[in-house]
């Protein structure tokens, strides 16, 4: 017999939506500018999505469930036979289910489908997080982060163990960008899957109403912390933290993971090296590219601005209409908008807060104002949100 499945146990009443929000709490900082129309390479920081994209299929709902001698079996394969969400799962069926939701969101944004490396399930969670961050960047025409660095991994793991945002990694010589800020970005999430964390970082990180906003620091439409993780992981926060830069070609990552009670803790940390890129333990070129599809290996995606520049100058064998030329000019203008904003040094300094007080920051303005679960009170009811 088939029946409607009750909510998984750690979601149950009194307020399922509120508990879901707490279960997938996200933290970070970003400033939302007016959304730009999606281009073929997606929406880059400076023009965030106009609204959240609800996951389809909804991997946060059990769906229809039926019971047999082995327990419950639900439409959502991430749900356990005991009718609960796991603390963590690497199930192939769950990976495929969440990946469908990511690709649905990508279609809405105008980004090509995400194709995972053939060995994705065999990778460690830290390696999976690195791969997902780079698949999000390269799909939008941005260069990949080079690889995982031991010092950055150590700091990311410390943050994951603490359930909060990462700080500058001790032992890693961080570089300074053109505006005089240390190049660093990071994000934290809880949940049962690295792909689920990626979804909420990238596609559901803005304001979705009081009952459906998973980023607890995004307290209202247009609040400073909305779309925090998306901009940090893509490399550029327009107002508070320039990050590592959209076009960074020598940046490295650290990632962290731990199982904490009913869910897991995930952290991504990206830093710009001060000089030559330090040694890495897992790299995009050696450990990921060989396992991607031949199309992705042989046709890497260039930055959208550079691609349009080449298209403009190469020979074409068909006439372009005046309307197409004007549309191309508008796309090029939007793609370059992020570099035209005034230097951040002209803004008043802000107090910087990081997860580890002993690693304080020089007075260079506010490099990375951090909203963490320790600094932003968890909502206790809808009115307080």
Protein backbone atom coordinates (compact mmCIF):
# COMPACT_ATOMS: atom_id res chain seq x y z
CA UNK A 1 0.00 0.00 0.00
CA UNK A 2 1.22 3.46 -0.80
CA UNK A 3 0.64 6.28 1.64
CA UNK A 4 1.66 9.86 2.18
CA UNK A 5 4.91 9.78 4.07
CA UNK A 6 5.14 11.75 7.35
CA UNK A 7 8.01 14.23 7.61
CA UNK A 8 11.40 12.73 8.43
CA UNK A 9 11.90 12.62 12.18
CA UNK A 10 14.30 15.49 12.62
CA UNK A 11 11.88 17.74 10.68
CA UNK A 12 8.79 17.10 12.72
CA UNK A 13 6.49 19.75 14.19
CA UNK A 14 5.65 22.16 15.66
CA UNK A 15 7.05 24.20 12.75
CA UNK A 16 8.50 22.01 10.01
CA UNK A 17 9.62 24.91 7.85
CA UNK A 18 11.44 26.55 10.76
CA UNK A 19 13.19 23.32 11.71
CA UNK A 20 14.22 22.74 8.12
CA UNK A 21 15.72 26.21 8.09
CA UNK A 22 17.65 25.41 11.24
CA UNK A 23 18.80 22.07 9.79
CA UNK A 24 20.28 23.75 6.74
CA UNK A 25 21.43 26.99 8.36
CA UNK A 26 23.82 28.91 6.12
CA UNK A 27 26.09 31.76 7.15
CA UNK A 28 28.05 34.43 5.32
CA UNK A 29 28.09 37.95 3.95
CA UNK A 30 27.12 39.52 0.67
CA UNK A 31 25.54 42.65 -0.65
CA UNK A 32 22.80 42.28 -3.23
CA UNK A 33 22.81 44.51 -6.27
CA UNK A 34 20.04 44.56 -8.83
CA UNK A 35 19.77 41.22 -10.58
CA UNK A 36 21.00 41.00 -14.14
CA UNK A 37 19.34 38.80 -16.76
CA UNK A 38 20.92 35.38 -16.94
CA UNK A 39 23.50 34.95 -19.66
CA UNK A 40 24.73 31.77 -21.24
CA UNK A 41 27.43 31.61 -18.55
CA UNK A 42 25.01 32.34 -15.72
CA UNK A 43 24.73 35.25 -13.32
CA UNK A 44 28.03 36.48 -11.92
CA UNK A 45 28.48 38.32 -8.60
CA UNK A 46 27.24 41.86 -8.80
CA UNK A 47 23.99 40.68 -10.34
CA UNK A 48 22.54 38.01 -8.11
CA UNK A 49 19.45 35.96 -9.00
CA UNK A 50 16.18 37.79 -8.61
CA UNK A 51 14.80 35.08 -6.33
CA UNK A 52 15.50 31.70 -4.80
CA UNK A 53 14.85 28.59 -6.86
CA UNK A 54 12.93 25.97 -4.89
CA UNK A 55 14.56 22.54 -5.32
CA UNK A 56 12.85 20.39 -7.94
CA UNK A 57 12.68 17.54 -7.20
CA UNK A 58 12.42 18.57 -3.57
CA UNK A 59 15.19 16.65 -1.82
CA UNK A 60 14.07 18.14 1.51
CA UNK A 61 10.72 16.33 1.42
CA UNK A 62 10.20 12.58 1.66
CA UNK A 63 7.51 12.46 -1.01
CA UNK A 64 5.25 9.44 -1.26
CA UNK A 65 6.41 6.47 0.80
CA UNK A 66 5.45 2.82 0.99
CA UNK A 67 6.28 0.25 3.64
CA UNK A 68 7.50 -3.30 3.25
CA UNK A 69 9.33 -5.81 5.41
CA UNK A 70 12.58 -3.84 5.15
CA UNK A 71 11.07 -0.55 6.25
CA UNK A 72 9.95 2.53 4.38
CA UNK A 73 10.82 3.34 0.76
CA UNK A 74 10.19 6.92 -0.37
CA UNK A 75 10.18 8.87 -3.61
CA UNK A 76 13.13 10.77 -2.21
CA UNK A 77 15.91 8.15 -2.07
CA UNK A 78 17.86 10.26 0.45
CA UNK A 79 15.31 9.35 3.16
CA UNK A 80 16.24 6.31 5.24
CA UNK A 81 14.02 3.21 5.70
CA UNK A 82 13.34 4.52 9.24
CA UNK A 83 11.67 7.63 7.78
CA UNK A 84 14.42 10.09 8.69
CA UNK A 85 17.03 12.10 6.88
CA UNK A 86 20.52 10.70 7.41
CA UNK A 87 23.26 12.67 9.12
CA UNK A 88 25.26 12.09 5.94
CA UNK A 89 24.85 9.97 2.85
CA UNK A 90 26.95 9.17 -0.20
CA UNK A 91 24.24 7.01 -1.78
CA UNK A 92 24.38 7.04 -5.61
CA UNK A 93 20.59 7.37 -5.78
CA UNK A 94 20.61 10.34 -3.41
CA UNK A 95 23.48 11.97 -5.33
CA UNK A 96 21.51 11.59 -8.58
CA UNK A 97 18.33 12.94 -6.95
CA UNK A 98 19.96 16.13 -5.62
CA UNK A 99 21.89 16.54 -8.88
CA UNK A 100 18.55 16.65 -10.73
CA UNK A 101 17.52 19.58 -8.55
CA UNK A 102 20.83 21.37 -9.20
CA UNK A 103 20.42 20.94 -12.95
CA UNK A 104 16.83 22.18 -12.80
CA UNK A 105 18.10 25.32 -11.06
CA UNK A 106 20.88 25.67 -13.60
CA UNK A 107 18.40 25.58 -16.47
CA UNK A 108 16.50 28.40 -14.78
CA UNK A 109 19.72 30.40 -14.59
CA UNK A 110 20.89 29.58 -18.10
CA UNK A 111 23.88 27.46 -17.03
CA UNK A 112 24.80 24.14 -18.61
CA UNK A 113 24.07 20.89 -16.77
CA UNK A 114 26.43 19.80 -14.03
CA UNK A 115 28.24 16.59 -14.93
CA UNK A 116 30.08 14.95 -12.04
CA UNK A 117 33.44 13.21 -12.48
CA UNK A 118 33.14 9.47 -13.02
CA UNK A 119 34.81 8.77 -9.68
CA UNK A 120 32.78 11.30 -7.67
CA UNK A 121 31.34 8.74 -5.26
CA UNK A 122 34.82 7.39 -4.48
CA UNK A 123 36.16 10.83 -3.52
CA UNK A 124 36.36 11.99 0.07
CA UNK A 125 33.80 14.59 1.18
CA UNK A 126 36.55 17.24 1.22
CA UNK A 127 37.41 16.40 -2.38
CA UNK A 128 33.74 16.38 -3.39
CA UNK A 129 33.29 19.90 -1.97
CA UNK A 130 36.30 21.10 -3.98
CA UNK A 131 34.96 19.53 -7.16
CA UNK A 132 31.50 21.07 -6.71
CA UNK A 133 32.90 24.56 -6.11
CA UNK A 134 34.94 24.33 -9.30
CA UNK A 135 32.08 22.91 -11.35
CA UNK A 136 30.06 25.99 -10.32
CA UNK A 137 32.89 28.34 -11.33
CA UNK A 138 33.85 26.75 -14.61
CA UNK A 139 30.23 26.48 -15.75
CA UNK A 140 30.07 30.28 -15.52
CA UNK A 141 33.25 30.80 -17.49
CA UNK A 142 35.51 31.34 -14.46
CA UNK A 143 38.90 29.64 -14.04
CA UNK A 144 38.98 26.77 -11.55
CA UNK A 145 40.62 26.94 -8.16
CA UNK A 146 43.86 24.99 -8.44
CA UNK A 147 43.58 22.44 -5.67
CA UNK A 148 43.41 21.59 -1.97
CA UNK A 149 46.16 22.96 0.27
CA UNK A 150 47.03 21.35 3.62
CA UNK A 151 47.01 24.60 5.63
CA UNK A 152 43.68 25.65 4.14
CA UNK A 153 42.20 22.20 4.75
CA UNK A 154 43.30 22.39 8.39
CA UNK A 155 41.52 25.73 8.92
CA UNK A 156 38.42 24.57 7.03
CA UNK A 157 38.28 21.42 9.15
CA UNK A 158 38.61 23.49 12.33
CA UNK A 159 35.66 25.63 11.19
CA UNK A 160 33.61 22.54 10.33
CA UNK A 161 34.28 21.10 13.78
CA UNK A 162 33.15 24.40 15.33
CA UNK A 163 30.10 24.69 13.06
CA UNK A 164 30.99 28.14 11.73
CA UNK A 165 32.75 30.16 9.07
CA UNK A 166 36.48 29.73 8.37
CA UNK A 167 39.14 32.35 9.09
CA UNK A 168 42.43 33.11 7.40
CA UNK A 169 44.46 29.92 7.57
CA UNK A 170 47.56 30.03 9.81
CA UNK A 171 50.63 29.03 7.83
CA UNK A 172 49.21 30.10 4.45
CA UNK A 173 50.77 33.29 3.04
CA UNK A 174 47.66 35.07 1.81
CA UNK A 175 47.88 37.61 -0.99
CA UNK A 176 46.46 41.12 -1.16
CA UNK A 177 44.22 42.20 -4.03
CA UNK A 178 44.37 45.44 -5.99
CA UNK A 179 42.08 47.18 -3.49
CA UNK A 180 44.35 46.35 -0.55
CA UNK A 181 42.31 43.53 0.95
CA UNK A 182 43.41 40.02 1.77
CA UNK A 183 42.04 37.59 -0.80
CA UNK A 184 39.82 35.17 1.12
CA UNK A 185 36.30 33.80 0.98
CA UNK A 186 34.44 31.04 2.76
CA UNK A 187 31.11 29.47 3.62
CA UNK A 188 29.60 26.98 6.07
CA UNK A 189 26.51 24.78 5.85
CA UNK A 190 24.90 21.84 7.55
CA UNK A 191 22.88 19.09 5.91
CA UNK A 192 23.10 15.50 4.76
CA UNK A 193 24.95 15.84 1.46
CA UNK A 194 27.68 18.00 -0.11
CA UNK A 195 25.41 18.46 -3.14
CA UNK A 196 22.60 19.70 -0.90
CA UNK A 197 25.02 22.20 0.66
CA UNK A 198 26.04 23.32 -2.82
CA UNK A 199 22.39 23.79 -3.79
CA UNK A 200 21.59 26.04 -0.86
CA UNK A 201 24.85 27.97 -1.22
CA UNK A 202 24.29 28.63 -4.90
CA UNK A 203 20.56 28.57 -5.70
CA UNK A 204 18.60 29.14 -2.49
CA UNK A 205 20.76 31.61 -0.57
CA UNK A 206 18.56 34.70 -0.84
CA UNK A 207 15.29 35.84 0.71
CA UNK A 208 12.45 33.37 0.28
CA UNK A 209 10.04 34.68 2.88
CA UNK A 210 10.04 34.12 6.62
CA UNK A 211 9.25 30.42 6.42
CA UNK A 212 11.47 29.50 3.46
CA UNK A 213 14.76 31.34 3.94
CA UNK A 214 17.53 28.87 4.79
CA UNK A 215 20.24 31.55 5.07
CA UNK A 216 19.47 32.82 8.59
CA UNK A 217 21.62 35.92 8.07
CA UNK A 218 19.38 36.92 5.14
CA UNK A 219 16.75 38.52 7.34
CA UNK A 220 14.77 40.40 4.69
CA UNK A 221 14.67 40.99 0.96
CA UNK A 222 17.85 42.86 0.08
CA UNK A 223 19.50 42.31 3.47
CA UNK A 224 23.33 42.51 3.35
CA UNK A 225 23.86 38.80 4.00
CA UNK A 226 21.58 37.50 1.24
CA UNK A 227 23.40 35.50 -1.46
CA UNK A 228 26.49 35.47 0.76
CA UNK A 229 27.79 32.00 0.00
CA UNK A 230 27.23 32.24 -3.72
CA UNK A 231 29.39 35.35 -4.07
CA UNK A 232 32.05 34.13 -1.66
CA UNK A 233 32.46 30.80 -3.45
CA UNK A 234 32.42 32.32 -6.91
CA UNK A 235 35.18 34.63 -5.70
CA UNK A 236 33.80 38.14 -5.35
CA UNK A 237 31.71 40.02 -2.79
CA UNK A 238 30.86 43.43 -4.28
CA UNK A 239 30.78 45.54 -1.12
CA UNK A 240 32.25 44.00 2.01
CA UNK A 241 34.88 41.58 0.77
CA UNK A 242 36.46 41.58 -2.70
CA UNK A 243 37.32 37.94 -2.05
CA UNK A 244 39.85 36.26 -4.30
CA UNK A 245 38.49 37.72 -7.54
CA UNK A 246 36.38 36.23 -10.26
CA UNK A 247 39.36 35.78 -12.54
CA UNK A 248 41.78 34.33 -9.98
CA UNK A 249 43.97 31.74 -11.66
CA UNK A 250 46.24 30.72 -8.77
CA UNK A 251 43.77 30.43 -5.88
CA UNK A 252 43.64 27.36 -3.68
CA UNK A 253 41.00 25.83 -1.45
CA UNK A 254 40.57 24.09 1.83
CA UNK A 255 37.44 22.12 2.69
CA UNK A 256 36.19 20.58 5.90
CA UNK A 257 33.58 18.02 6.92
CA UNK A 258 32.36 16.42 10.10
CA UNK A 259 29.20 14.65 11.22
CA UNK A 260 27.58 16.62 14.02
CA UNK A 261 24.51 15.02 15.55
CA UNK A 262 21.56 14.78 13.18
CA UNK A 263 23.37 16.48 10.28
CA UNK A 264 26.83 17.19 8.92
CA UNK A 265 28.96 20.31 8.87
CA UNK A 266 30.56 21.46 5.59
CA UNK A 267 33.07 24.28 5.02
CA UNK A 268 34.65 25.77 1.90
CA UNK A 269 37.63 28.13 2.24
CA UNK A 270 39.32 29.91 -0.70
CA UNK A 271 42.48 32.00 -0.45
CA UNK A 272 44.72 33.92 -2.82
CA UNK A 273 48.42 33.01 -2.35
CA UNK A 274 50.86 35.86 -1.78
CA UNK A 275 53.31 34.40 -4.28
CA UNK A 276 53.75 31.12 -6.12
CA UNK A 277 50.90 28.71 -5.45
CA UNK A 278 51.93 26.41 -2.56
CA UNK A 279 51.96 22.63 -2.81
CA UNK A 280 48.57 20.94 -3.07
CA UNK A 281 47.35 17.47 -2.18
CA UNK A 282 44.49 17.21 -4.71
CA UNK A 283 44.34 19.29 -7.89
CA UNK A 284 41.80 20.13 -10.55
CA UNK A 285 44.22 19.35 -13.38
CA UNK A 286 45.56 16.02 -12.14
CA UNK A 287 42.72 14.58 -10.04
CA UNK A 288 39.52 15.95 -11.57
CA UNK A 289 39.90 16.76 -15.26
CA UNK A 290 40.88 13.20 -16.27
CA UNK A 291 37.57 11.95 -14.82
CA UNK A 292 35.31 14.51 -16.47
CA UNK A 293 33.57 13.89 -19.77
CA UNK A 294 35.68 14.30 -22.91
CA UNK A 295 33.63 17.34 -23.92
CA UNK A 296 34.45 19.17 -20.68
CA UNK A 297 38.13 18.23 -20.92
CA UNK A 298 38.62 19.24 -24.55
CA UNK A 299 36.39 22.33 -24.54
CA UNK A 300 37.15 24.23 -21.33
CA UNK A 301 34.88 27.18 -20.74
CA UNK A 302 36.65 30.52 -21.00
CA UNK A 303 35.61 33.63 -19.13
CA UNK A 304 32.46 35.00 -20.83
CA UNK A 305 34.04 38.39 -21.48
CA UNK A 306 37.09 36.80 -23.11
CA UNK A 307 34.91 34.43 -25.12
CA UNK A 308 32.84 37.30 -26.48
CA UNK A 309 36.06 39.14 -27.35
CA UNK A 310 37.28 36.22 -29.46
CA UNK A 311 33.90 35.79 -31.10
CA UNK A 312 33.92 39.46 -32.02
CA UNK A 313 37.30 39.24 -33.74
CA UNK A 314 37.24 35.86 -35.48
CA UNK A 315 36.01 35.44 -39.03
CA UNK A 316 32.37 34.66 -39.37
CA UNK A 317 30.74 33.16 -42.40
CA UNK A 318 27.33 34.58 -41.97
CA UNK A 319 25.97 38.09 -41.64
CA UNK A 320 25.02 39.38 -38.22
CA UNK A 321 21.94 41.51 -37.92
CA UNK A 322 22.08 44.89 -36.23
CA UNK A 323 19.83 43.58 -33.45
CA UNK A 324 22.27 40.75 -32.67
CA UNK A 325 25.18 43.19 -32.55
CA UNK A 326 23.36 45.42 -30.08
CA UNK A 327 22.47 42.41 -27.92
CA UNK A 328 26.13 41.28 -27.88
CA UNK A 329 27.21 44.75 -26.79
CA UNK A 330 24.70 44.72 -23.95
CA UNK A 331 25.94 41.30 -22.79
CA UNK A 332 29.57 42.50 -22.86
CA UNK A 333 28.64 45.57 -20.84
CA UNK A 334 26.89 43.45 -18.20
CA UNK A 335 29.83 41.05 -18.03
CA UNK A 336 32.22 43.92 -17.28
CA UNK A 337 30.01 45.69 -14.74
CA UNK A 338 31.60 44.09 -11.71
CA UNK A 339 34.98 45.72 -12.41
CA UNK A 340 33.53 49.22 -12.74
CA UNK A 341 32.35 49.71 -9.17
CA UNK A 342 34.33 52.19 -7.02
CA UNK A 343 37.24 50.92 -4.90
CA UNK A 344 36.22 49.61 -1.53
CA UNK A 345 38.80 51.86 0.14
CA UNK A 346 36.39 54.76 -0.34
CA UNK A 347 33.89 53.13 2.01
CA UNK A 348 34.00 53.68 5.80
CA UNK A 349 35.90 50.99 7.72
CA UNK A 350 33.83 48.28 9.39
CA UNK A 351 34.63 46.11 12.34
CA UNK A 352 35.85 42.74 11.16
CA UNK A 353 34.78 39.63 12.99
CA UNK A 354 36.23 36.20 12.39
CA UNK A 355 35.77 32.79 13.93
CA UNK A 356 39.17 32.59 15.66
CA UNK A 357 39.91 35.82 17.57
CA UNK A 358 43.64 35.13 17.88
CA UNK A 359 43.96 35.53 14.09
CA UNK A 360 42.97 39.18 13.99
CA UNK A 361 43.11 41.25 10.83
CA UNK A 362 45.13 44.39 10.13
CA UNK A 363 43.20 47.62 9.80
CA UNK A 364 42.63 47.49 6.06
CA UNK A 365 38.94 48.23 6.21
CA UNK A 366 36.54 45.36 6.63
CA UNK A 367 37.87 42.45 4.63
CA UNK A 368 35.33 39.88 5.72
CA UNK A 369 32.45 40.76 7.98
CA UNK A 370 31.24 37.37 9.11
CA UNK A 371 27.74 36.39 10.13
CA UNK A 372 27.87 33.06 11.93
CA UNK A 373 25.39 31.04 13.90
CA UNK A 374 27.10 32.35 17.03
CA UNK A 375 26.54 35.97 16.03
CA UNK A 376 23.07 35.76 14.54
CA UNK A 377 20.42 34.40 16.88
CA UNK A 378 18.52 31.44 15.56
CA UNK A 379 14.85 32.30 14.99
CA UNK A 380 12.48 30.99 17.61
CA UNK A 381 9.31 31.82 15.70
CA UNK A 382 8.27 33.34 12.43
CA UNK A 383 7.61 36.77 13.88
CA UNK A 384 11.18 37.11 15.08
CA UNK A 385 12.48 36.29 11.63
